[in-house]
């Protein structure tokens, strides 16, 4: 893509086209700052020494020096030369630490360390600080979302709010960049899977695969990474389905156990009622025996109803009232039939 670099500072002439191009880059808060800086690296192909010379030139405009520093860092990150990226960050923090984009570099710094959660937490903190200062830069938003996805991947129960904020960040990045970067869709797919939105995850990773440029030298590596994400989505979905089936089976077992206890309670109540009736009926007049049996039936009903509430389950309010009223009616009726 062709670019037209505007001429800014007279002092940049000493550095030739590179100095002019650095002065022509937009402000750090511009959405295309990062993409134009990478385009500059591709179009002019400056050496690391040329970039470092401009960074060290105290006579050059400070913003041009920082732009050269950003290009130096972007190249190191692209090459996966993370040790050099971190060394540059430490070396130039005193000079460029006030720049909003420097918080982005510090997030990259901690994200490039080992996978210990404490480093990812630090990376998330700096990423959020970068988002606060550069809310309209898609690369910053995407990095914050990507780090959050890495952090959530290492948690047994990911924070739902963290996933939601990360989801919003990457969707903003996709919208601002007009879906130019397939890897943004890959990050969205990871977050959707972590949130349990497996349909959205599959759609996003498909867009990432379809959006990659087949002529890019790293096409195979990126597609391989996307396929790995696709397999992880499938595994996560199958695991979730298995978990739900296990929960359903556990609920069914609890229901069956409750039914068995209910039947056992009913049998015990019937046996108790028959035994009590036989003992009461012997040697009693019919009216007195009937009253005592009715009274006993009410007591047995209330006792086993209470047992059901405590051990098996709590019935619906309507059933609870019906059983309670029936038990009380039996008690009152039986009591009234007994001659004292």
Protein backbone atom coordinates (compact mmCIF):
# COMPACT_ATOMS: atom_id res chain seq x y z
CA UNK A 1 0.00 0.00 0.00
CA UNK A 2 1.51 3.31 -1.03
CA UNK A 3 1.92 6.09 1.48
CA UNK A 4 2.70 9.79 1.28
CA UNK A 5 4.82 11.04 4.18
CA UNK A 6 4.56 14.70 5.02
CA UNK A 7 7.65 16.77 5.78
CA UNK A 8 7.72 18.01 9.34
CA UNK A 9 10.98 18.97 11.04
CA UNK A 10 14.01 20.46 9.39
CA UNK A 11 16.31 18.52 11.72
CA UNK A 12 15.06 15.24 10.27
CA UNK A 13 16.95 15.92 7.03
CA UNK A 14 20.14 14.67 8.67
CA UNK A 15 18.57 11.21 8.83
CA UNK A 16 17.41 11.27 5.26
CA UNK A 17 14.08 9.71 4.24
CA UNK A 18 13.89 7.82 7.53
CA UNK A 19 13.78 11.03 9.58
CA UNK A 20 11.18 12.52 7.27
CA UNK A 21 9.06 9.38 7.48
CA UNK A 22 9.26 9.31 11.27
CA UNK A 23 8.08 12.90 11.47
CA UNK A 24 5.21 12.02 9.14
CA UNK A 25 3.72 9.31 11.35
CA UNK A 26 0.40 10.25 12.96
CA UNK A 27 -0.05 10.81 16.66
CA UNK A 28 0.16 7.78 18.96
CA UNK A 29 -3.56 8.07 19.68
CA UNK A 30 -4.44 7.65 16.00
CA UNK A 31 -5.97 4.23 15.16
CA UNK A 32 -3.51 3.74 12.28
CA UNK A 33 -0.36 4.67 14.20
CA UNK A 34 0.85 1.09 14.53
CA UNK A 35 -0.11 -0.01 11.03
CA UNK A 36 1.61 3.01 9.45
CA UNK A 37 4.74 2.40 11.52
CA UNK A 38 4.88 -1.22 10.34
CA UNK A 39 4.23 -0.05 6.78
CA UNK A 40 7.19 2.32 7.13
CA UNK A 41 9.40 -0.58 8.17
CA UNK A 42 8.25 -2.56 5.17
CA UNK A 43 8.57 0.29 2.64
CA UNK A 44 11.88 1.80 3.77
CA UNK A 45 13.46 -1.29 5.38
CA UNK A 46 15.66 0.71 7.76
CA UNK A 47 18.33 -1.23 9.62
CA UNK A 48 18.30 -1.54 13.39
CA UNK A 49 21.40 0.65 13.51
CA UNK A 50 19.66 3.41 11.57
CA UNK A 51 16.68 3.30 13.92
CA UNK A 52 18.93 3.25 16.98
CA UNK A 53 20.93 6.21 15.67
CA UNK A 54 17.75 8.27 15.35
CA UNK A 55 16.59 7.19 18.80
CA UNK A 56 19.90 8.33 20.31
CA UNK A 57 19.99 11.66 18.45
CA UNK A 58 19.16 14.26 21.09
CA UNK A 59 19.01 16.95 18.39
CA UNK A 60 16.12 15.23 16.61
CA UNK A 61 12.52 16.02 17.60
CA UNK A 62 11.49 13.95 20.61
CA UNK A 63 8.41 12.52 18.90
CA UNK A 64 10.46 11.40 15.90
CA UNK A 65 12.88 9.67 18.26
CA UNK A 66 10.02 7.88 19.99
CA UNK A 67 8.53 6.84 16.66
CA UNK A 68 11.88 5.30 15.74
CA UNK A 69 11.92 3.57 19.11
CA UNK A 70 8.44 2.18 18.49
CA UNK A 71 9.54 0.83 15.11
CA UNK A 72 12.56 -0.78 16.75
CA UNK A 73 10.30 -2.46 19.31
CA UNK A 74 7.73 -3.52 16.72
CA UNK A 75 10.45 -5.22 14.68
CA UNK A 76 11.86 -7.01 17.73
CA UNK A 77 8.38 -8.23 18.65
CA UNK A 78 7.68 -9.39 15.11
CA UNK A 79 10.93 -11.36 15.11
CA UNK A 80 10.01 -12.78 18.53
CA UNK A 81 13.25 -11.31 19.87
CA UNK A 82 11.63 -10.74 23.25
CA UNK A 83 14.86 -10.37 25.21
CA UNK A 84 15.89 -7.42 23.04
CA UNK A 85 12.39 -5.94 23.31
CA UNK A 86 12.59 -6.08 27.12
CA UNK A 87 16.12 -4.70 27.17
CA UNK A 88 15.05 -1.71 25.06
CA UNK A 89 12.03 -1.12 27.30
CA UNK A 90 14.20 -1.04 30.42
CA UNK A 91 16.84 1.13 28.78
CA UNK A 92 14.55 3.84 27.43
CA UNK A 93 11.82 4.00 30.08
CA UNK A 94 13.33 7.12 31.64
CA UNK A 95 13.23 8.91 28.27
CA UNK A 96 9.95 7.67 26.80
CA UNK A 97 7.96 6.43 29.80
CA UNK A 98 5.49 9.31 29.60
CA UNK A 99 4.30 8.30 26.13
CA UNK A 100 0.92 6.51 26.10
CA UNK A 101 2.26 3.81 23.77
CA UNK A 102 5.01 2.98 26.26
CA UNK A 103 2.38 1.37 28.52
CA UNK A 104 1.55 -0.89 25.58
CA UNK A 105 5.21 -1.90 25.38
CA UNK A 106 5.29 -2.64 29.10
CA UNK A 107 2.27 -4.91 28.67
CA UNK A 108 4.18 -6.73 25.92
CA UNK A 109 7.19 -6.87 28.25
CA UNK A 110 5.42 -8.86 30.97
CA UNK A 111 3.42 -10.93 28.49
CA UNK A 112 6.70 -12.13 26.97
CA UNK A 113 8.00 -13.47 30.30
CA UNK A 114 7.24 -17.02 31.41
CA UNK A 115 3.65 -18.16 31.80
CA UNK A 116 3.49 -17.55 35.54
CA UNK A 117 0.15 -15.98 36.47
CA UNK A 118 1.88 -13.15 38.34
CA UNK A 119 3.49 -11.99 35.07
CA UNK A 120 0.19 -12.18 33.20
CA UNK A 121 -1.46 -10.14 35.96
CA UNK A 122 1.22 -7.46 35.53
CA UNK A 123 0.74 -7.57 31.76
CA UNK A 124 -3.02 -7.15 32.19
CA UNK A 125 -2.49 -4.16 34.45
CA UNK A 126 -0.26 -2.35 31.95
CA UNK A 127 -2.57 -3.33 29.08
CA UNK A 128 -5.52 -1.72 30.86
CA UNK A 129 -3.44 1.42 31.50
CA UNK A 130 -2.65 1.50 27.79
CA UNK A 131 -6.34 1.10 26.92
CA UNK A 132 -7.22 4.01 29.21
CA UNK A 133 -4.76 6.23 27.32
CA UNK A 134 -5.30 4.80 23.82
CA UNK A 135 -8.93 3.65 23.70
CA UNK A 136 -9.18 4.03 19.93
CA UNK A 137 -6.07 2.08 18.90
CA UNK A 138 -7.04 -1.44 17.78
CA UNK A 139 -3.63 -2.98 18.50
CA UNK A 140 -3.80 -1.83 22.12
CA UNK A 141 -7.34 -3.14 22.55
CA UNK A 142 -6.41 -6.48 21.00
CA UNK A 143 -3.35 -6.94 23.20
CA UNK A 144 -5.45 -6.35 26.33
CA UNK A 145 -7.96 -8.95 25.14
CA UNK A 146 -5.27 -11.45 24.16
CA UNK A 147 -3.52 -11.21 27.53
CA UNK A 148 -6.84 -11.66 29.32
CA UNK A 149 -7.51 -14.79 27.24
CA UNK A 150 -4.08 -16.18 28.16
CA UNK A 151 -4.77 -15.48 31.83
CA UNK A 152 -8.24 -17.05 31.75
CA UNK A 153 -6.86 -20.14 29.99
CA UNK A 154 -4.79 -20.88 33.08
CA UNK A 155 -7.66 -20.57 35.56
CA UNK A 156 -9.95 -23.40 36.61
CA UNK A 157 -12.90 -21.00 36.80
CA UNK A 158 -12.27 -17.85 34.69
CA UNK A 159 -13.62 -14.54 35.94
CA UNK A 160 -16.79 -13.82 33.93
CA UNK A 161 -16.35 -10.04 34.18
CA UNK A 162 -12.76 -10.29 32.97
CA UNK A 163 -13.89 -12.30 29.95
CA UNK A 164 -16.68 -9.85 29.20
CA UNK A 165 -14.37 -6.81 29.26
CA UNK A 166 -11.85 -8.65 27.08
CA UNK A 167 -14.62 -9.61 24.67
CA UNK A 168 -15.64 -5.96 24.37
CA UNK A 169 -12.02 -4.89 23.77
CA UNK A 170 -11.44 -7.28 20.89
CA UNK A 171 -14.81 -6.55 19.29
CA UNK A 172 -13.93 -2.84 19.39
CA UNK A 173 -10.55 -3.61 17.83
CA UNK A 174 -12.22 -5.56 15.03
CA UNK A 175 -14.68 -2.75 14.35
CA UNK A 176 -12.07 0.05 14.42
CA UNK A 177 -9.71 -1.87 12.14
CA UNK A 178 -12.54 -2.85 9.75
CA UNK A 179 -11.72 -6.55 10.29
CA UNK A 180 -8.31 -6.18 8.61
CA UNK A 181 -6.50 -8.47 11.05
CA UNK A 182 -7.55 -12.15 11.12
CA UNK A 183 -5.74 -12.76 14.41
CA UNK A 184 -8.26 -10.46 16.13
CA UNK A 185 -11.00 -12.92 15.16
CA UNK A 186 -8.86 -15.76 16.52
CA UNK A 187 -8.63 -14.01 19.88
CA UNK A 188 -12.38 -13.42 19.84
CA UNK A 189 -12.87 -17.15 19.17
CA UNK A 190 -10.81 -18.01 22.26
CA UNK A 191 -12.82 -15.63 24.43
CA UNK A 192 -16.14 -16.92 23.09
CA UNK A 193 -15.10 -20.47 23.93
CA UNK A 194 -14.09 -19.44 27.45
CA UNK A 195 -17.49 -17.79 27.90
CA UNK A 196 -19.29 -20.89 26.64
CA UNK A 197 -20.42 -19.33 23.34
CA UNK A 198 -19.19 -22.19 21.17
CA UNK A 199 -21.22 -21.20 18.12
CA UNK A 200 -19.66 -17.74 18.13
CA UNK A 201 -16.23 -19.28 18.71
CA UNK A 202 -16.49 -21.54 15.66
CA UNK A 203 -17.72 -18.66 13.49
CA UNK A 204 -14.87 -16.37 14.62
CA UNK A 205 -12.10 -18.91 14.04
CA UNK A 206 -13.55 -19.64 10.60
CA UNK A 207 -13.34 -15.92 9.78
CA UNK A 208 -9.73 -15.87 10.99
CA UNK A 209 -8.78 -18.79 8.74
CA UNK A 210 -10.61 -17.37 5.73
CA UNK A 211 -9.09 -13.93 6.23
CA UNK A 212 -5.42 -14.96 6.15
CA UNK A 213 -3.34 -14.08 3.11
CA UNK A 214 -2.07 -17.27 1.52
CA UNK A 215 0.98 -15.49 0.07
CA UNK A 216 2.23 -14.37 3.49
CA UNK A 217 5.47 -16.15 4.50
CA UNK A 218 3.97 -16.96 7.93
CA UNK A 219 0.66 -18.21 6.51
CA UNK A 220 1.30 -21.84 7.46
CA UNK A 221 2.30 -20.98 11.02
CA UNK A 222 -0.77 -18.83 11.57
CA UNK A 223 -3.17 -21.36 10.07
CA UNK A 224 -1.63 -24.03 12.28
CA UNK A 225 -2.29 -21.84 15.31
CA UNK A 226 -5.87 -21.24 14.22
CA UNK A 227 -6.47 -24.96 13.74
CA UNK A 228 -5.18 -25.57 17.25
CA UNK A 229 -7.70 -23.02 18.55
CA UNK A 230 -10.44 -24.79 16.57
CA UNK A 231 -9.55 -28.14 18.17
CA UNK A 232 -9.54 -26.54 21.61
CA UNK A 233 -13.00 -25.09 20.97
CA UNK A 234 -14.28 -28.54 20.01
CA UNK A 235 -12.67 -30.10 23.09
CA UNK A 236 -14.12 -27.42 25.38
CA UNK A 237 -17.59 -27.90 23.93
CA UNK A 238 -17.45 -31.68 24.32
CA UNK A 239 -16.19 -31.27 27.89
CA UNK A 240 -19.06 -28.92 28.68
CA UNK A 241 -21.58 -31.33 27.19
CA UNK A 242 -20.12 -34.17 29.26
CA UNK A 243 -20.30 -32.05 32.40
CA UNK A 244 -23.96 -31.27 31.76
CA UNK A 245 -24.77 -34.94 31.17
CA UNK A 246 -23.04 -35.81 34.44
CA UNK A 247 -25.09 -33.19 36.26
CA UNK A 248 -28.28 -34.55 34.71
CA UNK A 249 -27.31 -38.09 35.76
CA UNK A 250 -26.57 -36.90 39.30
CA UNK A 251 -29.94 -35.14 39.47
CA UNK A 252 -31.66 -38.30 38.24
CA UNK A 253 -29.89 -40.40 40.89
CA UNK A 254 -30.97 -37.96 43.59
CA UNK A 255 -34.55 -38.12 42.31
CA UNK A 256 -34.53 -41.92 42.34
CA UNK A 257 -33.07 -41.95 45.83
CA UNK A 258 -35.84 -39.62 46.97
CA UNK A 259 -38.48 -41.86 45.45
CA UNK A 260 -37.00 -44.91 47.18
CA UNK A 261 -37.03 -43.11 50.51
CA UNK A 262 -40.62 -42.05 49.92
CA UNK A 263 -41.67 -45.64 49.20
CA UNK A 264 -39.81 -46.89 52.27
CA UNK A 265 -41.48 -44.22 54.37
CA UNK A 266 -44.88 -45.12 52.97
CA UNK A 267 -44.37 -48.82 53.71
CA UNK A 268 -43.18 -48.01 57.21
CA UNK A 269 -46.24 -45.83 57.74
CA UNK A 270 -48.60 -48.57 56.54
CA UNK A 271 -46.93 -51.17 58.75
CA UNK A 272 -47.03 -48.83 61.74
CA UNK A 273 -50.68 -48.04 61.12
CA UNK A 274 -51.64 -51.73 60.81
CA UNK A 275 -49.69 -52.71 63.93
CA UNK A 276 -51.10 -49.84 65.95
CA UNK A 277 -54.64 -50.55 64.74
CA UNK A 278 -54.38 -54.19 65.77
CA UNK A 279 -53.16 -53.26 69.24
CA UNK A 280 -55.81 -50.58 69.71
CA UNK A 281 -58.72 -52.64 68.39
CA UNK A 282 -58.14 -55.49 70.80
CA UNK A 283 -60.40 -55.13 73.84
CA UNK A 284 -61.87 -51.76 72.76
CA UNK A 285 -65.36 -50.74 71.82
CA UNK A 286 -65.92 -49.92 68.17
CA UNK A 287 -66.35 -46.15 68.66
CA UNK A 288 -63.30 -45.82 70.90
CA UNK A 289 -61.20 -48.07 68.66
CA UNK A 290 -62.22 -46.06 65.59
CA UNK A 291 -61.32 -42.78 67.29
CA UNK A 292 -57.94 -44.07 68.41
CA UNK A 293 -57.19 -45.45 64.94
CA UNK A 294 -58.18 -42.13 63.34
CA UNK A 295 -56.04 -40.25 65.85
CA UNK A 296 -53.13 -42.61 65.20
CA UNK A 297 -53.53 -42.18 61.44
CA UNK A 298 -53.24 -38.41 61.82
CA UNK A 299 -50.15 -38.72 64.00
CA UNK A 300 -48.49 -41.18 61.58
CA UNK A 301 -49.32 -38.93 58.61
CA UNK A 302 -47.82 -35.85 60.26
CA UNK A 303 -44.73 -37.72 61.47
CA UNK A 304 -43.86 -39.15 58.06
CA UNK A 305 -44.75 -35.90 56.33
CA UNK A 306 -42.20 -34.18 58.57
CA UNK A 307 -39.70 -36.95 57.79
CA UNK A 308 -40.23 -36.34 54.10
CA UNK A 309 -39.59 -32.61 54.51
CA UNK A 310 -36.37 -33.13 56.43
CA UNK A 311 -34.82 -36.04 54.53
CA UNK A 312 -36.23 -36.27 51.03
CA UNK A 313 -37.31 -32.92 49.67
CA UNK A 314 -39.43 -29.88 50.32
CA UNK A 315 -42.75 -30.24 48.47
CA UNK A 316 -44.59 -27.41 46.83
CA UNK A 317 -46.53 -25.12 49.13
CA UNK A 318 -49.93 -26.36 47.95
CA UNK A 319 -49.12 -30.00 48.68
CA UNK A 320 -47.61 -29.07 52.03
CA UNK A 321 -50.81 -27.36 53.14
CA UNK A 322 -53.06 -30.22 51.93
CA UNK A 323 -51.09 -32.85 53.84
CA UNK A 324 -50.93 -30.68 56.95
CA UNK A 325 -54.69 -30.05 56.91
CA UNK A 326 -55.45 -33.75 56.38
CA UNK A 327 -53.26 -34.73 59.31
CA UNK A 328 -54.84 -32.12 61.59
CA UNK A 329 -58.35 -33.20 60.52
CA UNK A 330 -57.57 -36.82 61.39
CA UNK A 331 -56.22 -35.76 64.78
CA UNK A 332 -59.26 -33.64 65.58
CA UNK A 333 -61.74 -36.25 64.32
CA UNK A 334 -60.08 -39.06 66.22
CA UNK A 335 -59.85 -36.99 69.36
CA UNK A 336 -63.54 -36.17 69.15
CA UNK A 337 -64.54 -39.82 68.86
CA UNK A 338 -62.69 -40.92 71.97
CA UNK A 339 -64.73 -41.09 75.14
CA UNK A 340 -62.66 -39.85 78.03
